[in-house]
Amino acid sequence: MSLRSSLVFLLALLTGAAASGLTAVAGEGAARSLLAGLAATGLAVQFYNRLIATEDGTVQPPSSAGAGAGEGESNG
């Protein structure tokens, strides 16, 4: 397992543990706390995977979503 993958999973597990703990402190039951932690962990894996740069060092270009024909350096 690469260092990047380990870091993504560690941060996701910490996020899930924090969400589970905060849900338990809020007075919810153990089942709801566990489900909240698992949901937060699943979403955090995707979030941290996109947030942390790739190992090969290539820079990902920003997506061109929303760039219309009227936008660009040549216009005005």
C-alpha atoms as a PDB file:
ATOM      1  CA  MET A   1       0.000   0.000   0.000  1.00  0.00           C
ATOM      2  CA  SER A   2       1.413   3.383  -0.935  1.00  0.00           C
ATOM      3  CA  LEU A   3       2.004   6.212   1.480  1.00  0.00           C
ATOM      4  CA  ARG A   4      -0.729   8.259  -0.201  1.00  0.00           C
ATOM      5  CA  SER A   5      -3.304   5.471   0.197  1.00  0.00           C
ATOM      6  CA  SER A   6      -2.357   4.998   3.824  1.00  0.00           C
ATOM      7  CA  LEU A   7      -2.761   8.693   4.489  1.00  0.00           C
ATOM      8  CA  VAL A   8      -6.145   8.824   2.738  1.00  0.00           C
ATOM      9  CA  PHE A   9      -7.454   5.876   4.756  1.00  0.00           C
ATOM     10  CA  LEU A  10      -6.040   7.197   8.027  1.00  0.00           C
ATOM     11  CA  LEU A  11      -7.654  10.596   7.556  1.00  0.00           C
ATOM     12  CA  ALA A  12     -10.931   8.957   6.551  1.00  0.00           C
ATOM     13  CA  LEU A  13     -10.906   6.752   9.650  1.00  0.00           C
ATOM     14  CA  LEU A  14     -10.185   9.746  11.876  1.00  0.00           C
ATOM     15  CA  THR A  15     -13.049  11.632  10.253  1.00  0.00           C
ATOM     16  CA  GLY A  16     -15.404   8.716  10.791  1.00  0.00           C
ATOM     17  CA  ALA A  17     -14.328   8.329  14.406  1.00  0.00           C
ATOM     18  CA  ALA A  18     -14.887  12.027  15.044  1.00  0.00           C
ATOM     19  CA  ALA A  19     -18.340  11.923  13.445  1.00  0.00           C
ATOM     20  CA  SER A  20     -19.253   8.829  15.413  1.00  0.00           C
ATOM     21  CA  GLY A  21     -18.019  10.317  18.670  1.00  0.00           C
ATOM     22  CA  LEU A  22     -19.806  13.605  18.150  1.00  0.00           C
ATOM     23  CA  THR A  23     -23.019  11.789  17.289  1.00  0.00           C
ATOM     24  CA  ALA A  24     -22.739   9.704  20.459  1.00  0.00           C
ATOM     25  CA  VAL A  25     -22.105  12.802  22.577  1.00  0.00           C
ATOM     26  CA  ALA A  26     -25.176  14.426  21.026  1.00  0.00           C
ATOM     27  CA  GLY A  27     -27.298  11.732  22.638  1.00  0.00           C
ATOM     28  CA  GLU A  28     -28.033   9.425  19.720  1.00  0.00           C
ATOM     29  CA  GLY A  29     -27.867   5.685  20.196  1.00  0.00           C
ATOM     30  CA  ALA A  30     -24.904   3.478  19.435  1.00  0.00           C
ATOM     31  CA  ALA A  31     -26.412   2.249  16.155  1.00  0.00           C
ATOM     32  CA  ARG A  32     -26.952   5.757  14.796  1.00  0.00           C
ATOM     33  CA  SER A  33     -23.494   6.798  15.918  1.00  0.00           C
ATOM     34  CA  LEU A  34     -21.953   3.865  14.103  1.00  0.00           C
ATOM     35  CA  LEU A  35     -23.937   4.557  10.931  1.00  0.00           C
ATOM     36  CA  ALA A  36     -22.962   8.233  11.007  1.00  0.00           C
ATOM     37  CA  GLY A  37     -19.309   7.282  11.409  1.00  0.00           C
ATOM     38  CA  LEU A  38     -19.429   4.778   8.554  1.00  0.00           C
ATOM     39  CA  ALA A  39     -21.143   7.278   6.256  1.00  0.00           C
ATOM     40  CA  ALA A  40     -18.605   9.969   7.089  1.00  0.00           C
ATOM     41  CA  THR A  41     -15.743   7.532   6.485  1.00  0.00           C
ATOM     42  CA  GLY A  42     -17.076   6.569   3.072  1.00  0.00           C
ATOM     43  CA  LEU A  43     -17.456  10.167   1.981  1.00  0.00           C
ATOM     44  CA  ALA A  44     -14.117  11.177   3.466  1.00  0.00           C
ATOM     45  CA  VAL A  45     -12.238   8.584   1.399  1.00  0.00           C
ATOM     46  CA  GLN A  46     -13.465  10.223  -1.787  1.00  0.00           C
ATOM     47  CA  PHE A  47     -12.801  13.723  -0.444  1.00  0.00           C
ATOM     48  CA  TYR A  48      -9.248  13.068   0.730  1.00  0.00           C
ATOM     49  CA  ASN A  49      -8.457  11.049  -2.398  1.00  0.00           C
ATOM     50  CA  ARG A  50      -9.164  14.131  -4.521  1.00  0.00           C
ATOM     51  CA  LEU A  51      -7.584  16.537  -2.057  1.00  0.00           C
ATOM     52  CA  ILE A  52      -4.182  14.891  -1.723  1.00  0.00           C
ATOM     53  CA  ALA A  53      -1.950  15.218  -4.779  1.00  0.00           C
ATOM     54  CA  THR A  54      -1.034  12.195  -6.846  1.00  0.00           C
ATOM     55  CA  GLU A  55       2.373  10.567  -6.441  1.00  0.00           C
ATOM     56  CA  ASP A  56       3.613  11.104  -9.985  1.00  0.00           C
ATOM     57  CA  GLY A  57       3.612  14.875  -9.524  1.00  0.00           C
ATOM     58  CA  THR A  58       1.515  15.686 -12.574  1.00  0.00           C
ATOM     59  CA  VAL A  59      -0.689  18.685 -12.138  1.00  0.00           C
ATOM     60  CA  GLN A  60      -4.316  18.058 -12.927  1.00  0.00           C
ATOM     61  CA  PRO A  61      -5.780  20.865 -15.075  1.00  0.00           C
ATOM     62  CA  PRO A  62      -8.940  22.471 -13.733  1.00  0.00           C
ATOM     63  CA  SER A  63     -12.121  21.209 -15.310  1.00  0.00           C
ATOM     64  CA  SER A  64     -13.526  23.322 -18.106  1.00  0.00           C
ATOM     65  CA  ALA A  65     -17.106  22.984 -16.889  1.00  0.00           C
ATOM     66  CA  GLY A  66     -18.979  26.219 -17.430  1.00  0.00           C
ATOM     67  CA  ALA A  67     -16.471  27.711 -19.851  1.00  0.00           C
ATOM     68  CA  GLY A  68     -18.614  29.144 -22.593  1.00  0.00           C
ATOM     69  CA  ALA A  69     -17.717  30.351 -26.069  1.00  0.00           C
ATOM     70  CA  GLY A  70     -17.584  33.967 -24.890  1.00  0.00           C
ATOM     71  CA  GLU A  71     -14.950  33.349 -22.245  1.00  0.00           C
ATOM     72  CA  GLY A  72     -11.215  33.360 -22.791  1.00  0.00           C
ATOM     73  CA  GLU A  73      -8.224  35.618 -23.218  1.00  0.00           C
ATOM     74  CA  SER A  74      -9.010  36.599 -26.797  1.00  0.00           C
ATOM     75  CA  ASN A  75     -12.294  38.240 -25.849  1.00  0.00           C
ATOM     76  CA  GLY A  76     -11.962  41.731 -24.611  1.00  0.00           C
END
